[in-house]
Amino acid sequence: MTNEEISTMVETSDEWISTRTGIKERRICTKETITDLAVTAAKNALEDAKAAPEELDMIICGTIRGGVYQSIRGLRDTEKAGRRCPAFDVNAACSGFLYCMDVAAGFLPGNG
């Protein structure tokens, strides 16, 4: 869905959205759930890193929409991927990824 399409539903514009978030378009899931996507992404990330779930120190999940009201998406999804470490969500809508990166940096040695 493009920003132009969104502007037909709410009072906004492509320029307003893209200058504030950098987002031009997004994908709409019709068959998979948020959990399906998150579990697959977690498993793929572990495989790409050649890491096991027990090697993770923390998982931070950027989301604004959970499967249930105020769900702890990071906990629920990563349990299915084999997580054994603390996990939490950062609910920050479009800028969630950037907020997660900033929060994660605070947990790295020398940044706290």
N, C-alpha and C. Protein backbone atom coordinates (compact mmCIF):
# COMPACT_ATOMS: atom_id res chain seq x y z
N MET A 1 0.85 -1.17 0.00
CA MET A 1 0.00 0.00 0.00
C MET A 1 0.90 1.24 0.00
N THR A 2 0.68 2.09 -0.94
CA THR A 2 1.49 3.30 -1.06
C THR A 2 0.96 4.40 -0.14
N ASN A 3 1.80 5.40 0.07
CA ASN A 3 1.37 6.56 0.86
C ASN A 3 0.20 7.28 0.20
N GLU A 4 0.19 7.29 -1.13
CA GLU A 4 -0.92 7.91 -1.86
C GLU A 4 -2.23 7.19 -1.54
N GLU A 5 -2.18 5.86 -1.48
CA GLU A 5 -3.39 5.09 -1.14
C GLU A 5 -3.84 5.41 0.29
N ILE A 6 -2.90 5.53 1.19
CA ILE A 6 -3.24 5.87 2.58
C ILE A 6 -3.88 7.24 2.64
N SER A 7 -3.40 8.17 1.80
CA SER A 7 -3.94 9.53 1.84
C SER A 7 -5.39 9.61 1.40
N THR A 8 -5.91 8.55 0.78
CA THR A 8 -7.33 8.54 0.43
C THR A 8 -8.20 8.10 1.61
N MET A 9 -7.54 7.53 2.64
CA MET A 9 -8.28 7.06 3.82
C MET A 9 -8.18 8.00 5.02
N VAL A 10 -7.05 8.68 5.14
CA VAL A 10 -6.84 9.61 6.25
C VAL A 10 -6.20 10.88 5.70
N GLU A 11 -6.29 11.95 6.45
CA GLU A 11 -5.77 13.23 6.00
C GLU A 11 -4.24 13.25 6.14
N THR A 12 -3.56 12.93 5.05
CA THR A 12 -2.10 12.91 5.01
C THR A 12 -1.67 13.00 3.56
N SER A 13 -0.39 12.91 3.30
CA SER A 13 0.13 12.91 1.93
C SER A 13 1.39 12.08 1.88
N ASP A 14 1.78 11.71 0.67
CA ASP A 14 3.03 10.99 0.48
C ASP A 14 4.18 11.81 1.03
N GLU A 15 4.21 13.09 0.74
CA GLU A 15 5.29 13.97 1.20
C GLU A 15 5.36 13.98 2.72
N TRP A 16 4.23 14.10 3.40
CA TRP A 16 4.21 14.16 4.86
C TRP A 16 4.77 12.87 5.46
N ILE A 17 4.32 11.73 4.95
CA ILE A 17 4.76 10.44 5.49
C ILE A 17 6.23 10.19 5.16
N SER A 18 6.60 10.36 3.90
CA SER A 18 7.96 10.00 3.48
C SER A 18 9.03 10.91 4.09
N THR A 19 8.74 12.19 4.29
CA THR A 19 9.75 13.05 4.90
C THR A 19 9.93 12.76 6.39
N ARG A 20 8.92 12.26 7.03
CA ARG A 20 9.02 11.97 8.47
C ARG A 20 9.48 10.55 8.78
N THR A 21 9.19 9.61 7.88
CA THR A 21 9.52 8.20 8.17
C THR A 21 10.43 7.56 7.14
N GLY A 22 10.48 8.10 5.93
CA GLY A 22 11.24 7.48 4.85
C GLY A 22 10.47 6.36 4.17
N ILE A 23 9.26 6.09 4.64
CA ILE A 23 8.46 5.00 4.10
C ILE A 23 7.68 5.50 2.88
N LYS A 24 7.79 4.74 1.78
CA LYS A 24 7.04 5.06 0.56
C LYS A 24 5.88 4.11 0.36
N GLU A 25 6.07 2.86 0.75
CA GLU A 25 5.01 1.87 0.63
C GLU A 25 5.24 0.76 1.62
N ARG A 26 4.21 -0.03 1.85
CA ARG A 26 4.30 -1.15 2.78
C ARG A 26 3.53 -2.32 2.21
N ARG A 27 3.77 -3.48 2.74
CA ARG A 27 3.10 -4.70 2.28
C ARG A 27 1.99 -5.07 3.25
N ILE A 28 0.93 -5.64 2.72
CA ILE A 28 -0.21 -6.06 3.52
C ILE A 28 -0.25 -7.59 3.51
N CYS A 29 -0.21 -8.19 4.69
CA CYS A 29 -0.30 -9.65 4.78
C CYS A 29 -1.76 -10.07 4.67
N THR A 30 -1.99 -11.07 3.87
CA THR A 30 -3.35 -11.57 3.72
C THR A 30 -3.49 -13.01 4.20
N LYS A 31 -2.37 -13.74 4.26
CA LYS A 31 -2.42 -15.14 4.68
C LYS A 31 -1.62 -15.39 5.95
N GLU A 32 -0.44 -14.78 6.05
CA GLU A 32 0.40 -14.99 7.22
C GLU A 32 -0.03 -14.07 8.36
N THR A 33 0.26 -14.51 9.58
CA THR A 33 0.04 -13.66 10.74
C THR A 33 1.35 -12.97 11.10
N ILE A 34 1.27 -12.01 11.98
CA ILE A 34 2.47 -11.34 12.47
C ILE A 34 3.40 -12.38 13.11
N THR A 35 2.83 -13.31 13.84
CA THR A 35 3.63 -14.36 14.48
C THR A 35 4.34 -15.21 13.43
N ASP A 36 3.65 -15.60 12.37
CA ASP A 36 4.27 -16.39 11.31
C ASP A 36 5.50 -15.67 10.76
N LEU A 37 5.34 -14.40 10.46
CA LEU A 37 6.44 -13.62 9.89
C LEU A 37 7.60 -13.47 10.87
N ALA A 38 7.28 -13.18 12.14
CA ALA A 38 8.33 -12.98 13.14
C ALA A 38 9.11 -14.26 13.42
N VAL A 39 8.43 -15.38 13.51
CA VAL A 39 9.11 -16.65 13.78
C VAL A 39 10.02 -17.00 12.60
N THR A 40 9.53 -16.85 11.39
CA THR A 40 10.36 -17.13 10.21
C THR A 40 11.57 -16.21 10.18
N ALA A 41 11.37 -14.92 10.45
CA ALA A 41 12.49 -13.97 10.46
C ALA A 41 13.51 -14.32 11.53
N ALA A 42 13.05 -14.70 12.72
CA ALA A 42 13.97 -15.07 13.80
C ALA A 42 14.78 -16.30 13.43
N LYS A 43 14.12 -17.31 12.89
CA LYS A 43 14.82 -18.53 12.49
C LYS A 43 15.83 -18.24 11.38
N ASN A 44 15.44 -17.42 10.40
CA ASN A 44 16.36 -17.07 9.31
C ASN A 44 17.56 -16.27 9.83
N ALA A 45 17.31 -15.35 10.75
CA ALA A 45 18.41 -14.55 11.31
C ALA A 45 19.40 -15.44 12.05
N LEU A 46 18.89 -16.37 12.84
CA LEU A 46 19.77 -17.30 13.56
C LEU A 46 20.58 -18.15 12.59
N GLU A 47 19.92 -18.64 11.55
CA GLU A 47 20.61 -19.46 10.56
C GLU A 47 21.69 -18.66 9.84
N ASP A 48 21.36 -17.44 9.42
CA ASP A 48 22.33 -16.58 8.72
C ASP A 48 23.54 -16.27 9.61
N ALA A 49 23.29 -16.10 10.91
CA ALA A 49 24.36 -15.78 11.85
C ALA A 49 25.08 -17.04 12.34
N LYS A 50 24.60 -18.20 11.90
CA LYS A 50 25.14 -19.48 12.37
C LYS A 50 25.17 -19.52 13.89
N ALA A 51 24.03 -19.10 14.47
CA ALA A 51 23.89 -19.02 15.93
C ALA A 51 22.72 -19.88 16.37
N ALA A 52 22.80 -20.30 17.62
CA ALA A 52 21.72 -21.08 18.24
C ALA A 52 20.90 -20.15 19.12
N PRO A 53 19.62 -20.43 19.32
CA PRO A 53 18.77 -19.57 20.16
C PRO A 53 19.35 -19.32 21.54
N GLU A 54 20.02 -20.31 22.12
CA GLU A 54 20.56 -20.13 23.47
C GLU A 54 21.76 -19.18 23.52
N GLU A 55 22.26 -18.77 22.36
CA GLU A 55 23.36 -17.80 22.32
C GLU A 55 22.88 -16.35 22.41
N LEU A 56 21.59 -16.13 22.25
CA LEU A 56 21.04 -14.77 22.27
C LEU A 56 21.01 -14.22 23.68
N ASP A 57 21.34 -12.93 23.80
CA ASP A 57 21.31 -12.26 25.10
C ASP A 57 20.00 -11.52 25.32
N MET A 58 19.39 -11.02 24.24
CA MET A 58 18.15 -10.25 24.37
C MET A 58 17.52 -10.11 23.00
N ILE A 59 16.19 -10.02 22.99
CA ILE A 59 15.45 -9.78 21.75
C ILE A 59 14.54 -8.58 21.97
N ILE A 60 14.63 -7.63 21.05
CA ILE A 60 13.77 -6.44 21.09
C ILE A 60 12.95 -6.45 19.82
N CYS A 61 11.63 -6.41 19.97
CA CYS A 61 10.73 -6.49 18.83
C CYS A 61 10.02 -5.15 18.64
N GLY A 62 10.19 -4.57 17.45
CA GLY A 62 9.49 -3.33 17.14
C GLY A 62 8.14 -3.64 16.52
N THR A 63 7.09 -3.16 17.13
CA THR A 63 5.75 -3.45 16.63
C THR A 63 4.79 -2.34 17.06
N ILE A 64 3.64 -2.33 16.48
CA ILE A 64 2.56 -1.48 16.95
C ILE A 64 1.27 -2.28 16.98
N ARG A 65 1.33 -3.46 16.37
CA ARG A 65 0.11 -4.26 16.32
C ARG A 65 0.43 -5.69 16.72
N GLY A 66 -0.13 -6.10 17.81
CA GLY A 66 0.09 -7.47 18.25
C GLY A 66 -1.09 -8.34 17.88
N GLY A 67 -0.93 -9.64 18.08
CA GLY A 67 -2.01 -10.57 17.79
C GLY A 67 -3.15 -10.44 18.78
N VAL A 68 -2.84 -9.96 19.97
CA VAL A 68 -3.85 -9.71 20.99
C VAL A 68 -3.55 -8.37 21.63
N TYR A 69 -4.51 -7.79 22.31
CA TYR A 69 -4.34 -6.49 22.94
C TYR A 69 -3.14 -6.50 23.88
N GLN A 70 -2.24 -5.56 23.69
CA GLN A 70 -1.04 -5.42 24.52
C GLN A 70 -0.26 -6.72 24.66
N SER A 71 -0.13 -7.44 23.56
CA SER A 71 0.65 -8.67 23.60
C SER A 71 2.12 -8.36 23.74
N ILE A 72 2.85 -9.29 24.25
CA ILE A 72 4.30 -9.16 24.28
C ILE A 72 4.78 -9.95 23.08
N ARG A 73 4.75 -9.30 21.94
CA ARG A 73 5.03 -9.93 20.66
C ARG A 73 6.40 -10.59 20.66
N GLY A 74 7.42 -9.89 21.12
CA GLY A 74 8.77 -10.42 21.12
C GLY A 74 8.87 -11.71 21.91
N LEU A 75 8.21 -11.77 23.04
CA LEU A 75 8.24 -12.99 23.86
C LEU A 75 7.51 -14.13 23.19
N ARG A 76 6.31 -13.86 22.77
CA ARG A 76 5.47 -14.91 22.19
C ARG A 76 6.09 -15.49 20.93
N ASP A 77 6.54 -14.63 20.02
CA ASP A 77 7.07 -15.10 18.75
C ASP A 77 8.39 -15.83 18.91
N THR A 78 9.26 -15.29 19.74
CA THR A 78 10.59 -15.88 19.82
C THR A 78 10.61 -17.16 20.65
N GLU A 79 9.62 -17.38 21.48
CA GLU A 79 9.52 -18.67 22.17
C GLU A 79 9.37 -19.78 21.13
N LYS A 80 8.61 -19.50 20.08
CA LYS A 80 8.41 -20.48 19.02
C LYS A 80 9.69 -20.71 18.21
N ALA A 81 10.61 -19.73 18.24
CA ALA A 81 11.87 -19.87 17.51
C ALA A 81 12.96 -20.44 18.41
N GLY A 82 12.64 -20.72 19.67
CA GLY A 82 13.61 -21.32 20.57
C GLY A 82 14.27 -20.37 21.54
N ARG A 83 13.74 -19.18 21.73
CA ARG A 83 14.34 -18.18 22.60
C ARG A 83 14.41 -18.63 24.05
N ARG A 84 15.53 -18.28 24.70
CA ARG A 84 15.70 -18.55 26.12
C ARG A 84 16.28 -17.33 26.83
N CYS A 85 16.09 -16.15 26.26
CA CYS A 85 16.64 -14.91 26.83
C CYS A 85 15.50 -13.91 27.03
N PRO A 86 15.78 -12.80 27.72
CA PRO A 86 14.75 -11.77 27.86
C PRO A 86 14.36 -11.20 26.50
N ALA A 87 13.09 -10.83 26.37
CA ALA A 87 12.60 -10.23 25.13
C ALA A 87 11.50 -9.24 25.49
N PHE A 88 11.44 -8.15 24.74
CA PHE A 88 10.37 -7.18 24.98
C PHE A 88 10.07 -6.43 23.70
N ASP A 89 8.94 -5.77 23.68
CA ASP A 89 8.47 -5.00 22.53
C ASP A 89 8.73 -3.52 22.73
N VAL A 90 8.95 -2.85 21.63
CA VAL A 90 8.96 -1.39 21.60
C VAL A 90 7.83 -1.01 20.65
N ASN A 91 6.78 -0.46 21.18
CA ASN A 91 5.61 -0.07 20.38
C ASN A 91 5.79 1.36 19.90
N ALA A 92 6.23 1.51 18.66
CA ALA A 92 6.52 2.85 18.16
C ALA A 92 6.10 3.06 16.71
N ALA A 93 5.17 2.28 16.24
CA ALA A 93 4.61 2.45 14.88
C ALA A 93 5.69 2.49 13.81
N CYS A 94 5.60 3.45 12.91
CA CYS A 94 6.47 3.49 11.74
C CYS A 94 7.95 3.61 12.09
N SER A 95 8.26 4.29 13.15
CA SER A 95 9.67 4.49 13.52
C SER A 95 10.16 3.43 14.49
N GLY A 96 9.41 2.36 14.67
CA GLY A 96 9.77 1.31 15.63
C GLY A 96 11.16 0.73 15.43
N PHE A 97 11.57 0.51 14.18
CA PHE A 97 12.90 -0.05 13.93
C PHE A 97 13.98 0.87 14.49
N LEU A 98 13.85 2.17 14.24
CA LEU A 98 14.86 3.11 14.73
C LEU A 98 14.88 3.16 16.26
N TYR A 99 13.72 3.14 16.87
CA TYR A 99 13.66 3.12 18.33
C TYR A 99 14.31 1.84 18.87
N CYS A 100 14.05 0.71 18.23
CA CYS A 100 14.66 -0.56 18.66
C CYS A 100 16.17 -0.50 18.56
N MET A 101 16.69 0.06 17.48
CA MET A 101 18.14 0.17 17.32
C MET A 101 18.74 1.03 18.43
N ASP A 102 18.07 2.12 18.78
CA ASP A 102 18.55 3.00 19.83
C ASP A 102 18.51 2.31 21.19
N VAL A 103 17.41 1.62 21.48
CA VAL A 103 17.29 0.89 22.74
C VAL A 103 18.36 -0.20 22.81
N ALA A 104 18.54 -0.95 21.72
CA ALA A 104 19.53 -2.02 21.69
C ALA A 104 20.94 -1.47 21.94
N ALA A 105 21.25 -0.33 21.35
CA ALA A 105 22.59 0.26 21.53
C ALA A 105 22.86 0.53 23.01
N GLY A 106 21.82 0.88 23.76
CA GLY A 106 21.99 1.14 25.19
C GLY A 106 22.36 -0.09 25.99
N PHE A 107 22.11 -1.27 25.46
CA PHE A 107 22.45 -2.51 26.15
C PHE A 107 23.83 -3.04 25.78
N LEU A 108 24.47 -2.44 24.77
CA LEU A 108 25.80 -2.91 24.36
C LEU A 108 26.86 -2.42 25.35
N PRO A 109 27.87 -3.22 25.59
CA PRO A 109 28.94 -2.82 26.51
C PRO A 109 29.53 -1.48 26.09
N GLY A 110 29.72 -0.60 27.05
CA GLY A 110 30.30 0.71 26.78
C GLY A 110 29.31 1.77 26.37
N ASN A 111 28.04 1.40 26.19
CA ASN A 111 27.02 2.38 25.79
C ASN A 111 26.03 2.69 26.88
N GLY A 112 26.10 2.02 28.01
CA GLY A 112 25.09 2.18 29.05
C GLY A 112 25.41 3.14 30.05
